[in-house]
Amino acid sequence: MIGIRPLTAADAPALAGLYRENREHLRAWEPDEPDDFYTPEGQRAAVETTLRESRSGRLLAWLIVDGDRPLGRVNLNHITMGPLRAGEIGLWVDQGHVGRGVASRSLRSVLGIAFDELGLHRLTAFVRTDNLASQHLFERIGFRRFGLSDGHVYVNGRWRDAIGYQCLAPWHDDVLLSPEF
């Protein structure tokens, strides 16, 4: 069964393997990482950093799984409460599972958590202008374009532009949720 579950420190060895298997696939989309990032020790350090951010309330991180098998990662980054109540989604899926609904299911799960459990009002995502599959994914899930971010991220030796997408909570027009400040 494909789903998401919270990232844990115990996931580091499996993540290292998944990142190694997808290193070439991710090279086009993700910032360059040093070789030790692809080792269990490197992933242990990366996961510890992520979990520290999670404890601060600024980030939530999940492993995308099929049963016990990891298929990718999804994060809700830059969580801001108060009057903004927003977050930014980032995800990637194993190259062998792209186009099979894994990302869609994962994103729908994150939307449920963000809007129903956290009471966030807006989610954003930035998708590279040359990543048509991810553009279609976010549009299919209900995100809409709101702008272009020139030179958004440095990947593969140059600054890459990205399209900004947003999705407002389903209760946006019907309910006035009083933010907890």
Protein backbone atom coordinates (compact mmCIF):
# COMPACT_ATOMS: atom_id res chain seq x y z
CA MET A 1 0.00 0.00 0.00
CA ILE A 2 1.49 3.31 -1.07
CA GLY A 3 1.42 6.09 1.51
CA ILE A 4 3.52 8.39 3.62
CA ARG A 5 4.87 8.02 7.14
CA PRO A 6 6.96 10.32 9.31
CA LEU A 7 10.68 10.22 8.60
CA THR A 8 12.75 8.64 11.40
CA ALA A 9 16.46 8.29 12.16
CA ALA A 10 16.16 4.57 11.42
CA ASP A 11 15.40 5.42 7.77
CA ALA A 12 18.95 6.62 7.05
CA PRO A 13 20.37 3.35 5.60
CA ALA A 14 17.34 2.77 3.33
CA LEU A 15 17.41 6.40 2.22
CA ALA A 16 21.09 6.17 1.38
CA GLY A 17 20.32 3.25 -0.92
CA LEU A 18 17.38 5.05 -2.48
CA TYR A 19 19.43 8.19 -3.09
CA ARG A 20 22.27 6.14 -4.61
CA GLU A 21 19.83 4.35 -6.95
CA ASN A 22 18.35 7.71 -8.01
CA ARG A 23 21.51 9.83 -8.08
CA GLU A 24 21.51 10.29 -11.87
CA HIS A 25 17.74 10.74 -11.98
CA LEU A 26 17.88 13.47 -9.32
CA ARG A 27 20.96 15.20 -10.74
CA ALA A 28 18.78 17.20 -13.14
CA TRP A 29 16.39 18.36 -10.41
CA GLU A 30 18.21 18.53 -7.09
CA PRO A 31 21.22 20.56 -5.93
CA ASP A 32 24.54 18.72 -6.07
CA GLU A 33 25.45 16.81 -2.94
CA PRO A 34 28.86 15.54 -1.81
CA ASP A 35 29.58 11.83 -2.20
CA ASP A 36 29.12 11.14 1.51
CA PHE A 37 25.47 12.30 1.24
CA TYR A 38 24.77 8.94 -0.48
CA THR A 39 26.13 6.86 2.42
CA PRO A 40 24.26 5.69 5.53
CA GLU A 41 26.39 8.08 7.63
CA GLY A 42 25.65 11.00 5.31
CA GLN A 43 21.94 10.24 5.38
CA ARG A 44 22.04 9.88 9.16
CA ALA A 45 23.40 13.44 9.38
CA ALA A 46 20.86 14.75 6.83
CA VAL A 47 17.96 13.04 8.62
CA GLU A 48 19.12 14.37 12.00
CA THR A 49 19.13 17.90 10.57
CA THR A 50 15.64 17.38 9.15
CA LEU A 51 14.32 15.97 12.43
CA ARG A 52 15.80 18.90 14.35
CA GLU A 53 13.92 21.29 12.04
CA SER A 54 10.79 19.18 12.52
CA ARG A 55 11.02 19.52 16.30
CA SER A 56 11.14 23.29 15.84
CA GLY A 57 7.80 23.18 14.05
CA ARG A 58 9.19 24.70 10.86
CA LEU A 59 9.15 21.50 8.81
CA LEU A 60 7.40 18.15 8.57
CA ALA A 61 9.09 15.31 6.71
CA TRP A 62 7.74 12.02 5.46
CA LEU A 63 9.05 8.98 3.69
CA ILE A 64 6.95 7.85 0.73
CA VAL A 65 6.54 4.09 1.08
CA ASP A 66 5.01 1.04 -0.50
CA GLY A 67 4.60 -1.13 2.58
CA ASP A 68 8.08 -1.00 4.09
CA ARG A 69 9.84 -0.10 0.84
CA PRO A 70 10.88 3.57 0.53
CA LEU A 71 9.89 5.25 -2.75
CA GLY A 72 10.87 8.86 -2.10
CA ARG A 73 10.53 11.86 0.20
CA VAL A 74 8.00 14.61 0.75
CA ASN A 75 8.44 17.63 3.02
CA LEU A 76 6.28 20.46 4.18
CA ASN A 77 8.92 23.19 4.50
CA HIS A 78 8.90 26.75 5.85
CA ILE A 79 5.81 26.20 7.99
CA THR A 80 4.57 29.55 9.25
CA MET A 81 1.67 29.93 11.65
CA GLY A 82 0.02 33.13 12.88
CA PRO A 83 -1.78 35.22 10.28
CA LEU A 84 0.08 33.62 7.33
CA ARG A 85 -0.54 29.90 8.12
CA ALA A 86 1.42 28.58 5.15
CA GLY A 87 3.95 25.98 4.06
CA GLU A 88 5.93 24.92 0.99
CA ILE A 89 5.91 21.41 -0.44
CA GLY A 90 8.95 19.62 -1.82
CA LEU A 91 9.02 16.01 -3.01
CA TRP A 92 10.75 13.46 -5.17
CA VAL A 93 9.86 9.92 -6.20
CA ASP A 94 12.03 6.96 -7.20
CA GLN A 95 12.62 6.98 -10.96
CA GLY A 96 11.00 3.54 -11.32
CA HIS A 97 7.75 4.84 -9.83
CA VAL A 98 7.39 8.14 -11.68
CA GLY A 99 4.07 8.37 -13.51
CA ARG A 100 2.37 5.70 -11.40
CA GLY A 101 0.34 7.91 -9.06
CA VAL A 102 2.84 7.76 -6.18
CA ALA A 103 3.42 11.53 -6.10
CA SER A 104 -0.32 12.27 -6.44
CA ARG A 105 -1.21 10.04 -3.49
CA SER A 106 1.59 11.49 -1.40
CA LEU A 107 0.60 15.07 -2.16
CA ARG A 108 -3.05 14.39 -1.33
CA SER A 109 -1.97 12.99 2.03
CA VAL A 110 0.13 16.07 2.75
CA LEU A 111 -2.77 18.36 1.75
CA GLY A 112 -5.01 16.57 4.26
CA ILE A 113 -2.47 16.97 7.05
CA ALA A 114 -1.69 20.58 6.19
CA PHE A 115 -5.27 21.79 5.86
CA ASP A 116 -7.23 19.49 8.19
CA GLU A 117 -4.75 18.84 11.00
CA LEU A 118 -2.51 21.91 10.98
CA GLY A 119 -5.13 24.39 9.81
CA LEU A 120 -2.81 25.92 7.23
CA HIS A 121 -4.39 28.32 4.76
CA ARG A 122 -1.97 28.19 1.81
CA LEU A 123 0.52 25.71 0.41
CA THR A 124 3.06 26.63 -2.23
CA ALA A 125 5.41 24.65 -4.43
CA PHE A 126 8.08 25.77 -6.87
CA VAL A 127 8.51 23.65 -9.99
CA ARG A 128 11.28 24.14 -12.50
CA THR A 129 10.13 25.55 -15.83
CA ASP A 130 11.54 22.49 -17.63
CA ASN A 131 9.82 19.94 -15.34
CA LEU A 132 6.57 19.46 -17.25
CA ALA A 133 5.60 16.28 -15.42
CA SER A 134 5.67 18.03 -12.03
CA GLN A 135 3.81 21.03 -13.44
CA HIS A 136 1.02 18.71 -14.61
CA LEU A 137 1.06 16.91 -11.25
CA PHE A 138 0.52 20.07 -9.20
CA GLU A 139 -2.14 21.36 -11.59
CA ARG A 140 -3.95 18.00 -11.48
CA ILE A 141 -3.95 18.07 -7.65
CA GLY A 142 -5.55 21.53 -7.66
CA PHE A 143 -2.61 23.92 -7.39
CA ARG A 144 -2.64 26.98 -9.62
CA ARG A 145 0.22 29.03 -11.00
CA PHE A 146 0.90 32.34 -9.34
CA GLY A 147 4.19 33.49 -10.83
CA LEU A 148 7.70 32.90 -12.03
CA SER A 149 10.72 32.86 -9.76
CA ASP A 150 13.75 33.82 -11.86
CA GLY A 151 16.94 32.03 -10.82
CA HIS A 152 15.07 30.14 -8.10
CA VAL A 153 17.54 27.32 -7.41
CA TYR A 154 21.15 26.49 -8.29
CA VAL A 155 21.26 23.03 -9.90
CA ASN A 156 23.74 21.43 -12.26
CA GLY A 157 26.00 24.45 -12.52
CA ARG A 158 23.45 27.18 -13.11
CA TRP A 159 20.53 29.08 -11.61
CA ARG A 160 17.20 27.62 -12.73
CA ASP A 161 13.84 29.37 -13.02
CA ALA A 162 10.76 27.92 -11.32
CA ILE A 163 7.02 28.38 -11.57
CA GLY A 164 5.26 29.15 -8.31
CA TYR A 165 2.14 27.13 -7.54
CA GLN A 166 -0.31 27.60 -4.69
CA CYS A 167 -3.27 25.78 -3.23
CA LEU A 168 -5.61 27.40 -0.73
CA ALA A 169 -7.39 25.43 1.98
CA PRO A 170 -10.75 24.04 0.88
CA TRP A 171 -12.42 26.05 3.64
CA HIS A 172 -10.84 29.28 2.32
CA ASP A 173 -14.09 30.90 1.12
CA ASP A 174 -16.51 29.32 3.59
CA VAL A 175 -14.95 29.49 7.02
CA LEU A 176 -13.12 32.23 8.85
CA LEU A 177 -10.54 30.30 10.82
CA SER A 178 -9.14 32.47 13.56
CA PRO A 179 -5.37 31.95 13.52
CA GLU A 180 -3.68 31.09 16.80
CA PHE A 181 -0.98 33.71 17.28
